C-alpha atoms as a PDB file:
ATOM      1  CA  MET A   1     122.114 140.806 125.674  1.00  0.00           C
ATOM      2  CA  GLN A   2     119.193 140.000 123.387  1.00  0.00           C
ATOM      3  CA  ARG A   3     116.303 138.060 124.837  1.00  0.00           C
ATOM      4  CA  HIS A   4     114.863 135.083 122.970  1.00  0.00           C
ATOM      5  CA  LEU A   5     111.359 134.374 121.634  1.00  0.00           C
ATOM      6  CA  LEU A   6     111.023 130.750 120.544  1.00  0.00           C
ATOM      7  CA  LEU A   7     108.126 129.617 118.350  1.00  0.00           C
ATOM      8  CA  VAL A   8     107.562 125.853 118.241  1.00  0.00           C
ATOM      9  CA  GLY A   9     105.467 124.715 115.288  1.00  0.00           C
ATOM     10  CA  GLY A  10     104.606 126.281 111.960  1.00  0.00           C
ATOM     11  CA  GLY A  11     100.813 126.266 112.283  1.00  0.00           C
ATOM     12  CA  HIS A  12      98.249 128.836 111.178  1.00  0.00           C
ATOM     13  CA  ALA A  13      98.707 131.053 114.248  1.00  0.00           C
ATOM     14  CA  HIS A  14     102.500 131.123 114.074  1.00  0.00           C
ATOM     15  CA  VAL A  15     102.647 132.109 110.414  1.00  0.00           C
ATOM     16  CA  GLU A  16     100.682 135.219 111.390  1.00  0.00           C
ATOM     17  CA  VAL A  17     103.127 135.891 114.233  1.00  0.00           C
ATOM     18  CA  LEU A  18     106.003 135.694 111.749  1.00  0.00           C
ATOM     19  CA  ARG A  19     104.195 137.957 109.287  1.00  0.00           C
ATOM     20  CA  GLN A  20     103.575 140.611 111.915  1.00  0.00           C
ATOM     21  CA  PHE A  21     107.119 140.478 113.270  1.00  0.00           C
ATOM     22  CA  ALA A  22     108.438 140.784 109.703  1.00  0.00           C
ATOM     23  CA  ALA A  23     106.383 143.955 109.285  1.00  0.00           C
ATOM     24  CA  LYS A  24     107.442 145.310 112.683  1.00  0.00           C
ATOM     25  CA  PRO A  25     110.505 143.740 114.328  1.00  0.00           C
ATOM     26  CA  LEU A  26     110.772 143.495 118.101  1.00  0.00           C
ATOM     27  CA  PRO A  27     113.822 145.476 119.291  1.00  0.00           C
ATOM     28  CA  GLY A  28     116.112 143.680 121.710  1.00  0.00           C
ATOM     29  CA  TRP A  29     114.744 140.228 120.903  1.00  0.00           C
ATOM     30  CA  ARG A  30     115.936 137.443 118.662  1.00  0.00           C
ATOM     31  CA  LEU A  31     113.387 135.085 117.143  1.00  0.00           C
ATOM     32  CA  THR A  32     113.635 131.363 116.398  1.00  0.00           C
ATOM     33  CA  LEU A  33     111.130 129.053 114.701  1.00  0.00           C
ATOM     34  CA  LEU A  34     111.437 125.344 115.505  1.00  0.00           C
ATOM     35  CA  THR A  35     109.207 123.318 113.190  1.00  0.00           C
ATOM     36  CA  ARG A  36     108.972 119.800 111.744  1.00  0.00           C
ATOM     37  CA  GLU A  37     108.468 120.907 108.144  1.00  0.00           C
ATOM     38  CA  ALA A  38     109.838 123.783 106.068  1.00  0.00           C
ATOM     39  CA  MET A  39     106.561 123.954 104.124  1.00  0.00           C
ATOM     40  CA  SER A  40     103.388 124.508 106.143  1.00  0.00           C
ATOM     41  CA  PRO A  41     100.127 123.530 104.389  1.00  0.00           C
ATOM     42  CA  TYR A  42      96.972 125.610 104.619  1.00  0.00           C
ATOM     43  CA  SER A  43      94.218 123.182 105.595  1.00  0.00           C
ATOM     44  CA  GLY A  44      91.520 125.132 103.746  1.00  0.00           C
ATOM     45  CA  MET A  45      93.106 124.371 100.359  1.00  0.00           C
ATOM     46  CA  LEU A  46      94.173 120.762 100.893  1.00  0.00           C
ATOM     47  CA  PRO A  47      90.933 119.237  99.537  1.00  0.00           C
ATOM     48  CA  GLY A  48      91.431 121.371  96.421  1.00  0.00           C
ATOM     49  CA  VAL A  49      94.961 119.998  96.069  1.00  0.00           C
ATOM     50  CA  ILE A  50      93.666 116.429  96.412  1.00  0.00           C
ATOM     51  CA  ALA A  51      90.975 117.114  93.785  1.00  0.00           C
ATOM     52  CA  GLY A  52      93.559 118.552  91.402  1.00  0.00           C
ATOM     53  CA  LEU A  53      92.139 122.087  91.531  1.00  0.00           C
ATOM     54  CA  TYR A  54      95.367 123.543  92.950  1.00  0.00           C
ATOM     55  CA  ARG A  55      99.018 122.690  92.589  1.00  0.00           C
ATOM     56  CA  GLU A  56     100.639 121.612  95.850  1.00  0.00           C
ATOM     57  CA  GLU A  57     102.787 124.727  96.051  1.00  0.00           C
ATOM     58  CA  GLN A  58      99.683 126.928  95.973  1.00  0.00           C
ATOM     59  CA  ALA A  59      98.592 125.497  99.328  1.00  0.00           C
ATOM     60  CA  LEU A  60     102.000 125.578 101.010  1.00  0.00           C
ATOM     61  CA  ILE A  61     103.580 128.358 103.039  1.00  0.00           C
ATOM     62  CA  ASP A  62     107.360 128.417 102.951  1.00  0.00           C
ATOM     63  CA  VAL A  63     107.850 129.016 106.677  1.00  0.00           C
ATOM     64  CA  ARG A  64     111.615 129.114 106.306  1.00  0.00           C
ATOM     65  CA  ALA A  65     111.320 132.035 103.880  1.00  0.00           C
ATOM     66  CA  LEU A  66     108.687 133.680 106.091  1.00  0.00           C
ATOM     67  CA  ALA A  67     110.991 133.301 109.093  1.00  0.00           C
ATOM     68  CA  ALA A  68     113.833 134.880 107.136  1.00  0.00           C
ATOM     69  CA  ARG A  69     111.657 137.912 106.368  1.00  0.00           C
ATOM     70  CA  ALA A  70     111.004 138.216 110.108  1.00  0.00           C
ATOM     71  CA  GLY A  71     114.731 138.020 110.848  1.00  0.00           C
ATOM     72  CA  ALA A  72     114.194 134.673 112.575  1.00  0.00           C
ATOM     73  CA  GLU A  73     116.331 131.569 112.575  1.00  0.00           C
ATOM     74  CA  ALA A  74     114.428 128.561 111.227  1.00  0.00           C
ATOM     75  CA  VAL A  75     115.310 125.188 112.752  1.00  0.00           C
ATOM     76  CA  ILE A  76     113.759 122.207 110.982  1.00  0.00           C
ATOM     77  CA  ASP A  77     113.413 119.665 113.757  1.00  0.00           C
ATOM     78  CA  ARG A  78     110.899 118.104 116.126  1.00  0.00           C
ATOM     79  CA  ALA A  79     110.362 119.272 119.714  1.00  0.00           C
ATOM     80  CA  THR A  80     110.425 116.455 122.279  1.00  0.00           C
ATOM     81  CA  GLY A  81     109.937 118.172 125.648  1.00  0.00           C
ATOM     82  CA  ILE A  82     110.387 121.294 127.770  1.00  0.00           C
ATOM     83  CA  ASP A  83     112.529 121.966 130.828  1.00  0.00           C
ATOM     84  CA  LEU A  84     110.421 124.552 132.635  1.00  0.00           C
ATOM     85  CA  VAL A  85     113.089 125.290 135.242  1.00  0.00           C
ATOM     86  CA  ALA A  86     115.968 125.838 132.822  1.00  0.00           C
ATOM     87  CA  LYS A  87     113.538 127.315 130.249  1.00  0.00           C
ATOM     88  CA  ARG A  88     114.756 125.174 127.376  1.00  0.00           C
ATOM     89  CA  VAL A  89     112.937 123.202 124.656  1.00  0.00           C
ATOM     90  CA  HIS A  90     114.362 119.778 123.895  1.00  0.00           C
ATOM     91  CA  ARG A  91     114.460 118.614 120.289  1.00  0.00           C
ATOM     92  CA  ALA A  92     115.095 115.357 118.475  1.00  0.00           C
ATOM     93  CA  GLY A  93     118.080 116.323 116.346  1.00  0.00           C
ATOM     94  CA  GLY A  94     120.318 118.581 118.411  1.00  0.00           C
ATOM     95  CA  GLU A  95     120.898 120.681 121.480  1.00  0.00           C
ATOM     96  CA  SER A  96     117.945 122.092 123.364  1.00  0.00           C
ATOM     97  CA  ARG A  97     117.005 125.719 122.723  1.00  0.00           C
ATOM     98  CA  PRO A  98     116.613 128.341 125.459  1.00  0.00           C
ATOM     99  CA  PHE A  99     113.717 130.780 125.647  1.00  0.00           C
ATOM    100  CA  ASP A 100     112.602 133.855 127.507  1.00  0.00           C
ATOM    101  CA  LEU A 101     109.206 133.712 125.821  1.00  0.00           C
ATOM    102  CA  LEU A 102     107.835 130.522 124.281  1.00  0.00           C
ATOM    103  CA  SER A 103     104.853 129.885 121.991  1.00  0.00           C
ATOM    104  CA  LEU A 104     103.514 126.482 120.908  1.00  0.00           C
ATOM    105  CA  ASP A 105     101.474 125.897 117.748  1.00  0.00           C
ATOM    106  CA  THR A 106     102.294 122.321 116.785  1.00  0.00           C
ATOM    107  CA  GLY A 107      98.879 121.043 115.715  1.00  0.00           C
ATOM    108  CA  ALA A 108      97.330 117.722 116.682  1.00  0.00           C
ATOM    109  CA  THR A 109      97.959 114.093 115.821  1.00  0.00           C
ATOM    110  CA  PRO A 110      95.587 111.467 114.391  1.00  0.00           C
ATOM    111  CA  ASP A 111      93.117 109.902 116.783  1.00  0.00           C
ATOM    112  CA  THR A 112      93.985 106.334 115.791  1.00  0.00           C
ATOM    113  CA  ALA A 113      94.746 104.819 119.194  1.00  0.00           C
ATOM    114  CA  ARG A 114      91.110 104.009 120.021  1.00  0.00           C
ATOM    115  CA  VAL A 115      90.584 101.696 117.037  1.00  0.00           C
ATOM    116  CA  PRO A 116      92.783  98.607 116.645  1.00  0.00           C
ATOM    117  CA  GLY A 117      94.716  98.575 113.388  1.00  0.00           C
ATOM    118  CA  ALA A 118      94.031 102.202 112.493  1.00  0.00           C
ATOM    119  CA  ALA A 119      97.612 103.325 113.096  1.00  0.00           C
ATOM    120  CA  GLN A 120      98.959 100.452 111.002  1.00  0.00           C
ATOM    121  CA  HIS A 121      96.535 100.389 108.073  1.00  0.00           C
ATOM    122  CA  ALA A 122      94.997 103.872 107.702  1.00  0.00           C
ATOM    123  CA  LEU A 123      96.412 107.112 106.336  1.00  0.00           C
ATOM    124  CA  PRO A 124      95.594 109.891 108.845  1.00  0.00           C
ATOM    125  CA  LEU A 125      94.784 113.412 107.680  1.00  0.00           C
ATOM    126  CA  LYS A 126      96.644 114.847 110.664  1.00  0.00           C
ATOM    127  CA  PRO A 127      99.206 116.176 111.193  1.00  0.00           C
ATOM    128  CA  ILE A 128      98.511 118.081 107.995  1.00  0.00           C
ATOM    129  CA  ASP A 129     102.153 119.100 107.508  1.00  0.00           C
ATOM    130  CA  ALA A 130     102.963 115.447 106.776  1.00  0.00           C
ATOM    131  CA  LEU A 131      99.829 114.583 104.775  1.00  0.00           C
ATOM    132  CA  LEU A 132     100.695 115.481 101.191  1.00  0.00           C
ATOM    133  CA  PRO A 133     103.879 113.403 100.866  1.00  0.00           C
ATOM    134  CA  ARG A 134     102.068 110.357 102.256  1.00  0.00           C
ATOM    135  CA  LEU A 135      98.933 110.924 100.194  1.00  0.00           C
ATOM    136  CA  ARG A 136     100.859 111.270  96.943  1.00  0.00           C
ATOM    137  CA  ALA A 137     101.561 107.528  96.810  1.00  0.00           C
ATOM    138  CA  THR A 138      97.881 106.741  97.306  1.00  0.00           C
ATOM    139  CA  LEU A 139      96.827 109.077  94.493  1.00  0.00           C
ATOM    140  CA  ASP A 140      99.483 107.677  92.162  1.00  0.00           C
ATOM    141  CA  ALA A 141      98.358 104.102  92.891  1.00  0.00           C
ATOM    142  CA  ALA A 142      94.692 105.004  92.208  1.00  0.00           C
ATOM    143  CA  PRO A 143      93.265 102.219  94.417  1.00  0.00           C
ATOM    144  CA  ALA A 144      89.976 100.759  93.195  1.00  0.00           C
ATOM    145  CA  ARG A 145      88.203 101.048  96.563  1.00  0.00           C
ATOM    146  CA  ILE A 146      88.881 103.931  98.957  1.00  0.00           C
ATOM    147  CA  GLY A 147      87.302 104.547 102.345  1.00  0.00           C
ATOM    148  CA  VAL A 148      87.307 107.802 104.305  1.00  0.00           C
ATOM    149  CA  VAL A 149      86.566 107.255 107.995  1.00  0.00           C
ATOM    150  CA  GLY A 150      84.977 110.284 109.641  1.00  0.00           C
ATOM    151  CA  ALA A 151      82.196 112.399 108.130  1.00  0.00           C
ATOM    152  CA  GLY A 152      82.885 115.813 109.588  1.00  0.00           C
ATOM    153  CA  ALA A 153      83.776 118.698 107.300  1.00  0.00           C
ATOM    154  CA  ALA A 154      87.275 117.359 106.586  1.00  0.00           C
ATOM    155  CA  GLY A 155      86.091 113.835 105.798  1.00  0.00           C
ATOM    156  CA  VAL A 156      83.322 115.057 103.493  1.00  0.00           C
ATOM    157  CA  GLU A 157      85.658 117.347 101.554  1.00  0.00           C
ATOM    158  CA  VAL A 158      88.347 114.695 101.223  1.00  0.00           C
ATOM    159  CA  ALA A 159      85.881 112.041 100.040  1.00  0.00           C
ATOM    160  CA  LEU A 160      84.516 114.381  97.368  1.00  0.00           C
ATOM    161  CA  ALA A 161      88.024 115.446  96.382  1.00  0.00           C
ATOM    162  CA  LEU A 162      89.112 111.823  95.934  1.00  0.00           C
ATOM    163  CA  ARG A 163      86.023 111.101  93.839  1.00  0.00           C
ATOM    164  CA  ALA A 164      86.879 114.029  91.565  1.00  0.00           C
ATOM    165  CA  ARG A 165      90.560 113.109  91.328  1.00  0.00           C
ATOM    166  CA  LEU A 166      90.049 109.362  90.856  1.00  0.00           C
ATOM    167  CA  PRO A 167      86.781 108.946  88.922  1.00  0.00           C
ATOM    168  CA  ALA A 168      87.441 105.263  88.264  1.00  0.00           C
ATOM    169  CA  SER A 169      87.744 104.510  91.994  1.00  0.00           C
ATOM    170  CA  SER A 170      84.826 103.862  94.316  1.00  0.00           C
ATOM    171  CA  VAL A 171      84.833 106.122  97.391  1.00  0.00           C
ATOM    172  CA  THR A 172      82.953 105.294 100.597  1.00  0.00           C
ATOM    173  CA  LEU A 173      82.445 107.839 103.359  1.00  0.00           C
ATOM    174  CA  VAL A 174      82.245 105.971 106.665  1.00  0.00           C
ATOM    175  CA  ALA A 175      80.042 108.182 108.818  1.00  0.00           C
ATOM    176  CA  GLY A 176      79.572 105.916 111.839  1.00  0.00           C
ATOM    177  CA  VAL A 177      76.856 106.410 114.417  1.00  0.00           C
ATOM    178  CA  ALA A 178      76.973 110.212 114.244  1.00  0.00           C
ATOM    179  CA  GLY A 179      76.186 110.369 110.535  1.00  0.00           C
ATOM    180  CA  VAL A 180      77.301 112.963 108.003  1.00  0.00           C
ATOM    181  CA  LEU A 181      78.181 116.445 109.348  1.00  0.00           C
ATOM    182  CA  ALA A 182      76.821 115.920 112.851  1.00  0.00           C
ATOM    183  CA  GLY A 183      76.068 119.266 114.446  1.00  0.00           C
ATOM    184  CA  PHE A 184      75.539 121.093 111.149  1.00  0.00           C
ATOM    185  CA  PRO A 185      72.146 122.625 110.276  1.00  0.00           C
ATOM    186  CA  ASP A 186      69.681 120.146 108.769  1.00  0.00           C
ATOM    187  CA  LYS A 187      69.510 122.114 105.505  1.00  0.00           C
ATOM    188  CA  ALA A 188      73.277 121.961 105.093  1.00  0.00           C
ATOM    189  CA  ARG A 189      73.343 118.232 105.873  1.00  0.00           C
ATOM    190  CA  ALA A 190      70.626 117.596 103.288  1.00  0.00           C
ATOM    191  CA  ARG A 191      72.483 119.604 100.618  1.00  0.00           C
ATOM    192  CA  VAL A 192      75.721 117.752 101.320  1.00  0.00           C
ATOM    193  CA  ALA A 193      73.973 114.367 101.289  1.00  0.00           C
ATOM    194  CA  ALA A 194      72.517 115.221  97.890  1.00  0.00           C
ATOM    195  CA  ALA A 195      75.943 116.308  96.619  1.00  0.00           C
ATOM    196  CA  LEU A 196      77.523 113.060  97.819  1.00  0.00           C
ATOM    197  CA  ALA A 197      74.815 111.007  96.111  1.00  0.00           C
ATOM    198  CA  ALA A 198      75.069 112.967  92.864  1.00  0.00           C
ATOM    199  CA  ARG A 199      78.818 112.332  92.770  1.00  0.00           C
ATOM    200  CA  HIS A 200      78.415 108.640  93.614  1.00  0.00           C
ATOM    201  CA  VAL A 201      80.148 108.750  96.984  1.00  0.00           C
ATOM    202  CA  GLU A 202      78.729 105.865  98.987  1.00  0.00           C
ATOM    203  CA  ILE A 203      77.842 106.428 102.648  1.00  0.00           C
ATOM    204  CA  HIS A 204      78.283 103.769 105.318  1.00  0.00           C
ATOM    205  CA  GLN A 205      76.687 104.810 108.614  1.00  0.00           C
ATOM    206  CA  GLY A 206      75.016 103.420 111.719  1.00  0.00           C
ATOM    207  CA  GLU A 207      78.074 101.665 113.163  1.00  0.00           C
ATOM    208  CA  ASP A 208      81.482 102.949 114.195  1.00  0.00           C
ATOM    209  CA  VAL A 209      84.572 101.130 112.972  1.00  0.00           C
ATOM    210  CA  ALA A 210      85.689  98.346 115.333  1.00  0.00           C
ATOM    211  CA  GLU A 211      88.981  97.475 113.608  1.00  0.00           C
ATOM    212  CA  VAL A 212      91.054  98.376 110.577  1.00  0.00           C
ATOM    213  CA  VAL A 213      92.693  95.461 108.790  1.00  0.00           C
ATOM    214  CA  ALA A 214      94.767  95.186 105.647  1.00  0.00           C
ATOM    215  CA  GLU A 215      91.635  94.218 103.679  1.00  0.00           C
ATOM    216  CA  GLY A 216      89.462  97.095 104.908  1.00  0.00           C
ATOM    217  CA  LEU A 217      87.181  97.862 107.853  1.00  0.00           C
ATOM    218  CA  VAL A 218      85.532  95.644 110.444  1.00  0.00           C
ATOM    219  CA  PHE A 219      82.332  96.656 112.275  1.00  0.00           C
ATOM    220  CA  PRO A 220      80.804  95.370 115.518  1.00  0.00           C
ATOM    221  CA  ARG A 221      77.771  93.747 113.859  1.00  0.00           C
ATOM    222  CA  GLY A 222      77.607  94.492 110.155  1.00  0.00           C
ATOM    223  CA  ALA A 223      79.554  92.929 107.320  1.00  0.00           C
ATOM    224  CA  PRO A 224      83.171  93.997 106.796  1.00  0.00           C
ATOM    225  CA  LEU A 225      83.850  96.692 104.189  1.00  0.00           C
ATOM    226  CA  ALA A 226      86.503  95.651 101.686  1.00  0.00           C
ATOM    227  CA  LEU A 227      88.826  98.512 100.793  1.00  0.00           C
ATOM    228  CA  ASP A 228      92.201  98.986  99.135  1.00  0.00           C
ATOM    229  CA  ALA A 229      93.012 102.244 100.956  1.00  0.00           C
ATOM    230  CA  VAL A 230      91.680 103.894 104.118  1.00  0.00           C
ATOM    231  CA  LEU A 231      91.989 107.568 105.041  1.00  0.00           C
ATOM    232  CA  TRP A 232      91.411 108.512 108.677  1.00  0.00           C
ATOM    233  CA  ALA A 233      89.520 111.762 109.253  1.00  0.00           C
ATOM    234  CA  THR A 234      88.188 111.313 112.774  1.00  0.00           C
ATOM    235  CA  GLY A 235      88.850 113.601 115.752  1.00  0.00           C
ATOM    236  CA  ALA A 236      92.277 114.838 116.699  1.00  0.00           C
ATOM    237  CA  ALA A 237      94.478 113.574 119.532  1.00  0.00           C
ATOM    238  CA  ALA A 238      97.038 115.506 121.540  1.00  0.00           C
ATOM    239  CA  PRO A 239     100.694 115.099 120.496  1.00  0.00           C
ATOM    240  CA  ALA A 240     102.335 112.624 122.853  1.00  0.00           C
ATOM    241  CA  TRP A 241     105.353 114.854 123.457  1.00  0.00           C
ATOM    242  CA  LEU A 242     103.177 117.398 125.301  1.00  0.00           C
ATOM    243  CA  ALA A 243     103.248 114.996 128.239  1.00  0.00           C
ATOM    244  CA  GLU A 244     106.976 115.786 128.495  1.00  0.00           C
ATOM    245  CA  THR A 245     106.435 119.521 128.946  1.00  0.00           C
ATOM    246  CA  GLY A 246     105.210 119.667 132.545  1.00  0.00           C
ATOM    247  CA  LEU A 247     102.527 122.106 131.426  1.00  0.00           C
ATOM    248  CA  GLU A 248      98.873 121.858 132.485  1.00  0.00           C
ATOM    249  CA  ARG A 249      96.835 119.631 130.165  1.00  0.00           C
ATOM    250  CA  ASP A 250      93.198 118.608 129.957  1.00  0.00           C
ATOM    251  CA  ARG A 251      91.966 115.022 130.242  1.00  0.00           C
ATOM    252  CA  ALA A 252      92.669 114.400 126.562  1.00  0.00           C
ATOM    253  CA  GLY A 253      96.227 115.699 126.850  1.00  0.00           C
ATOM    254  CA  PHE A 254      95.823 119.089 125.142  1.00  0.00           C
ATOM    255  CA  LEU A 255      97.532 122.162 126.612  1.00  0.00           C
ATOM    256  CA  ARG A 256      95.207 124.234 128.776  1.00  0.00           C
ATOM    257  CA  ILE A 257      95.301 127.929 127.862  1.00  0.00           C
ATOM    258  CA  ASP A 258      93.573 130.986 129.267  1.00  0.00           C
ATOM    259  CA  GLU A 259      91.713 133.713 127.375  1.00  0.00           C
ATOM    260  CA  ARG A 260      95.000 135.514 126.658  1.00  0.00           C
ATOM    261  CA  LEU A 261      96.412 132.333 125.080  1.00  0.00           C
ATOM    262  CA  ARG A 262      98.864 131.712 127.932  1.00  0.00           C
ATOM    263  CA  CYS A 263      99.448 128.209 129.203  1.00  0.00           C
ATOM    264  CA  ILE A 264      97.733 127.845 132.566  1.00  0.00           C
ATOM    265  CA  GLY A 265     100.078 128.779 135.398  1.00  0.00           C
ATOM    266  CA  ARG A 266     102.659 130.457 133.129  1.00  0.00           C
ATOM    267  CA  THR A 267     103.201 134.046 132.039  1.00  0.00           C
ATOM    268  CA  ASP A 268     106.087 133.212 129.694  1.00  0.00           C
ATOM    269  CA  ILE A 269     104.538 130.376 127.635  1.00  0.00           C
ATOM    270  CA  PHE A 270     101.741 130.807 125.102  1.00  0.00           C
ATOM    271  CA  ALA A 271      99.975 128.319 122.832  1.00  0.00           C
ATOM    272  CA  ALA A 272      97.403 128.290 120.044  1.00  0.00           C
ATOM    273  CA  GLY A 273      95.678 126.036 117.540  1.00  0.00           C
ATOM    274  CA  ASP A 274      94.809 122.354 117.687  1.00  0.00           C
ATOM    275  CA  CYS A 275      97.342 121.469 120.395  1.00  0.00           C
ATOM    276  CA  THR A 276      95.383 123.519 122.931  1.00  0.00           C
ATOM    277  CA  SER A 277      92.292 123.324 125.113  1.00  0.00           C
ATOM    278  CA  PHE A 278      90.724 126.749 125.666  1.00  0.00           C
ATOM    279  CA  ASP A 279      89.875 126.918 129.375  1.00  0.00           C
ATOM    280  CA  PRO A 280      87.086 129.538 129.210  1.00  0.00           C
ATOM    281  CA  GLN A 281      84.989 127.326 126.890  1.00  0.00           C
ATOM    282  CA  PRO A 282      85.386 124.153 124.790  1.00  0.00           C
ATOM    283  CA  LEU A 283      86.304 124.831 121.150  1.00  0.00           C
ATOM    284  CA  PRO A 284      86.247 122.441 118.177  1.00  0.00           C
ATOM    285  CA  LYS A 285      89.525 121.476 116.555  1.00  0.00           C
ATOM    286  CA  ALA A 286      89.045 123.678 113.498  1.00  0.00           C
ATOM    287  CA  GLY A 287      91.576 125.707 111.565  1.00  0.00           C
ATOM    288  CA  VAL A 288      89.405 128.818 111.748  1.00  0.00           C
ATOM    289  CA  TYR A 289      90.216 129.181 115.448  1.00  0.00           C
ATOM    290  CA  ALA A 290      93.981 129.034 114.902  1.00  0.00           C
ATOM    291  CA  VAL A 291      93.670 131.609 112.111  1.00  0.00           C
ATOM    292  CA  ARG A 292      91.681 133.969 114.349  1.00  0.00           C
ATOM    293  CA  GLN A 293      94.035 133.378 117.280  1.00  0.00           C
ATOM    294  CA  GLY A 294      97.046 134.404 115.190  1.00  0.00           C
ATOM    295  CA  PRO A 295      96.677 138.214 115.460  1.00  0.00           C
ATOM    296  CA  VAL A 296      95.872 138.019 119.198  1.00  0.00           C
ATOM    297  CA  LEU A 297      98.855 135.741 119.792  1.00  0.00           C
ATOM    298  CA  ALA A 298     101.199 138.052 117.846  1.00  0.00           C
ATOM    299  CA  GLY A 299      99.967 141.080 119.781  1.00  0.00           C
ATOM    300  CA  ASN A 300     100.224 139.358 123.143  1.00  0.00           C
ATOM    301  CA  LEU A 301     103.730 138.037 122.517  1.00  0.00           C
ATOM    302  CA  ARG A 302     104.818 141.561 121.649  1.00  0.00           C
ATOM    303  CA  ALA A 303     103.005 142.964 124.702  1.00  0.00           C
ATOM    304  CA  ALA A 304     104.564 140.355 127.005  1.00  0.00           C
ATOM    305  CA  ALA A 305     108.020 141.155 125.613  1.00  0.00           C
ATOM    306  CA  GLU A 306     107.450 144.861 126.232  1.00  0.00           C
ATOM    307  CA  GLY A 307     105.801 144.457 129.632  1.00  0.00           C
ATOM    308  CA  ARG A 308     102.402 145.706 128.494  1.00  0.00           C
ATOM    309  CA  ALA A 309      98.917 144.404 129.228  1.00  0.00           C
ATOM    310  CA  LEU A 310      97.621 141.500 127.139  1.00  0.00           C
ATOM    311  CA  ARG A 311      94.282 141.421 125.361  1.00  0.00           C
ATOM    312  CA  PRO A 312      91.824 138.516 125.454  1.00  0.00           C
ATOM    313  CA  TYR A 313      90.958 136.245 122.578  1.00  0.00           C
ATOM    314  CA  ARG A 314      87.200 136.126 121.995  1.00  0.00           C
ATOM    315  CA  PRO A 315      86.166 133.071 119.949  1.00  0.00           C
ATOM    316  CA  GLN A 316      83.561 133.711 117.289  1.00  0.00           C
ATOM    317  CA  GLU A 317      80.215 132.068 118.015  1.00  0.00           C
ATOM    318  CA  ASP A 318      79.557 131.236 114.364  1.00  0.00           C
ATOM    319  CA  TRP A 319      81.497 131.471 111.145  1.00  0.00           C
ATOM    320  CA  LEU A 320      81.074 130.864 107.455  1.00  0.00           C
ATOM    321  CA  VAL A 321      81.753 127.224 106.579  1.00  0.00           C
ATOM    322  CA  LEU A 322      82.485 126.563 102.915  1.00  0.00           C
ATOM    323  CA  LEU A 323      82.803 122.921 101.866  1.00  0.00           C
ATOM    324  CA  SER A 324      84.475 122.154  98.557  1.00  0.00           C
ATOM    325  CA  LEU A 325      82.647 119.573  96.449  1.00  0.00           C
ATOM    326  CA  GLY A 326      85.768 118.791  94.429  1.00  0.00           C
ATOM    327  CA  ASP A 327      84.521 120.210  91.121  1.00  0.00           C
ATOM    328  CA  ARG A 328      84.645 124.001  91.544  1.00  0.00           C
ATOM    329  CA  ARG A 329      81.364 123.957  93.411  1.00  0.00           C
ATOM    330  CA  ALA A 330      80.883 124.373  97.127  1.00  0.00           C
ATOM    331  CA  ILE A 331      78.239 124.425  99.828  1.00  0.00           C
ATOM    332  CA  GLY A 332      78.342 127.152 102.459  1.00  0.00           C
ATOM    333  CA  THR A 333      76.475 127.738 105.687  1.00  0.00           C
ATOM    334  CA  ARG A 334      76.384 130.382 108.386  1.00  0.00           C
ATOM    335  CA  ASN A 335      73.745 131.276 110.963  1.00  0.00           C
ATOM    336  CA  GLY A 336      71.464 128.597 109.532  1.00  0.00           C
ATOM    337  CA  ILE A 337      71.602 130.038 105.995  1.00  0.00           C
ATOM    338  CA  VAL A 338      72.789 127.614 103.304  1.00  0.00           C
ATOM    339  CA  MET A 339      74.189 128.517  99.889  1.00  0.00           C
ATOM    340  CA  GLY A 340      75.698 126.387  97.164  1.00  0.00           C
ATOM    341  CA  GLY A 341      77.026 126.106  93.645  1.00  0.00           C
ATOM    342  CA  ARG A 342      79.751 127.865  91.693  1.00  0.00           C
ATOM    343  CA  ALA A 343      79.260 131.175  93.524  1.00  0.00           C
ATOM    344  CA  ALA A 344      80.048 129.457  96.841  1.00  0.00           C
ATOM    345  CA  TRP A 345      83.190 127.955  95.300  1.00  0.00           C
ATOM    346  CA  TRP A 346      84.245 131.325  93.917  1.00  0.00           C
ATOM    347  CA  LEU A 347      83.882 132.827  97.394  1.00  0.00           C
ATOM    348  CA  LYS A 348      85.865 130.002  99.007  1.00  0.00           C
ATOM    349  CA  ASP A 349      88.578 130.248  96.363  1.00  0.00           C
ATOM    350  CA  TRP A 350      88.816 134.027  96.827  1.00  0.00           C
ATOM    351  CA  ILE A 351      89.044 133.724 100.635  1.00  0.00           C
ATOM    352  CA  ASP A 352      91.680 130.992 100.447  1.00  0.00           C
ATOM    353  CA  ARG A 353      93.830 132.777  97.866  1.00  0.00           C
ATOM    354  CA  ARG A 354      93.641 136.021  99.823  1.00  0.00           C
ATOM    355  CA  PHE A 355      94.736 134.190 102.978  1.00  0.00           C
ATOM    356  CA  MET A 356      97.702 132.588 101.236  1.00  0.00           C
ATOM    357  CA  ALA A 357      98.782 135.852  99.611  1.00  0.00           C
ATOM    358  CA  ARG A 358      99.517 137.212 103.097  1.00  0.00           C
ATOM    359  CA  TYR A 359     102.250 134.616 103.650  1.00  0.00           C
ATOM    360  CA  GLN A 360     103.622 133.699 100.233  1.00  0.00           C
ATOM    361  CA  GLY A 361     106.055 135.775  98.227  1.00  0.00           C
ATOM    362  CA  PRO A 362     108.309 138.637  99.316  1.00  0.00           C
END
C-alpha cells in the first residue's frame, strides 16, 4: 500500500517541494496538495503587478499544474484542523484527508484584530493568495485618497506602486511610531524617504492608528486622516485554524518548528513559511525565509519518507533587499551597502523572473 504525503498550503516553500518531487518522484508514496487557491502569487512581484509593470499571470504560479507535474492530486479547499491521533487533516468542503507525512505552508493572516475597525474597513495585504482579486476593485475605482498602514518593506513598495498606477490619487503612507523602514540601515531609509518625497507619497508618522472608520483613520491625539481606501500592511497574525491542530504554538499562535523544520514534538509533521515560529531563533515574517526553506523542506520530507537523517535549516544572517519604486527603479541594500536606480530594478526584475521560471510552464 502506498503511503501518503500531504502538503497543506501552496506557499513559497511548498512550490519548491512540488518542483523537486516532479523532477524526482518518491517511490511508494502518493502526494496530495490541499490549498485555498489554484494560483499562488509570488510576493516579490506583487508590487510590480499593482504598479502595472507586470501582468497578473506573470506573478502567479499555477499550483494545480505544478502538482500535476509532480504526480500529485490537487485539492482546492481550506484546512480547518488536524486530528493528531487519527493523522487526518480536516477541511471545509469535504472529508478529512489522511497522512503519513504532513507539511504545512499556509502563510499568515492580516494583523487587524488589535485595531478596532481594521477588519471591517481596511484591505489587508495578507494572505497574499487572496489579495489580487480584492485589490482589483480598488484599482478600478481609483479612489481619490488612499492610505497604506504600515511602513515596512511591503507597505513602502505598495504605496509607491499605487502612486505609479493611480497618478491622480493621493497616497499616504502611515508609518506610525516606528517610522519608515524601521530596522533598515540609515542610508537605505534616507534613500527611500527621498524616493517617497520625489513621487509625492505623503508620510504620516509619530502616532499609531487607534481606529479605522469608513471615512479613514483615527489617531489617539492627532487629527483624523480622511481616506477613501485603506490598505493594511502591518505585521502578520497566525491563522486562527492553527489553534485546532493540537500542535505546539508560540505566544502569538504560530507553529513552533525546530531547525529541521519539524513541528515541535512531532517527527511526522513539518512546517515552513509565515505560519511558523523558528524555535532556534526569532525570524521576521519575510518571503525570503520561505524561499530558502523550500529546498531544505523538500530534502527533509524525502529523507523522512526514506528513513534517512534530516539536515538543518540555517537562516541567512543578511540578504539582498530590493525595493521596487513603482517606475522601473529600485533601491537595494545588503550588509549596509545601498544601491539604487534602474540597475537595481534590472537586478530585481532578473531575480524575480528567474524565480518564477522555475515553477511556471512545463
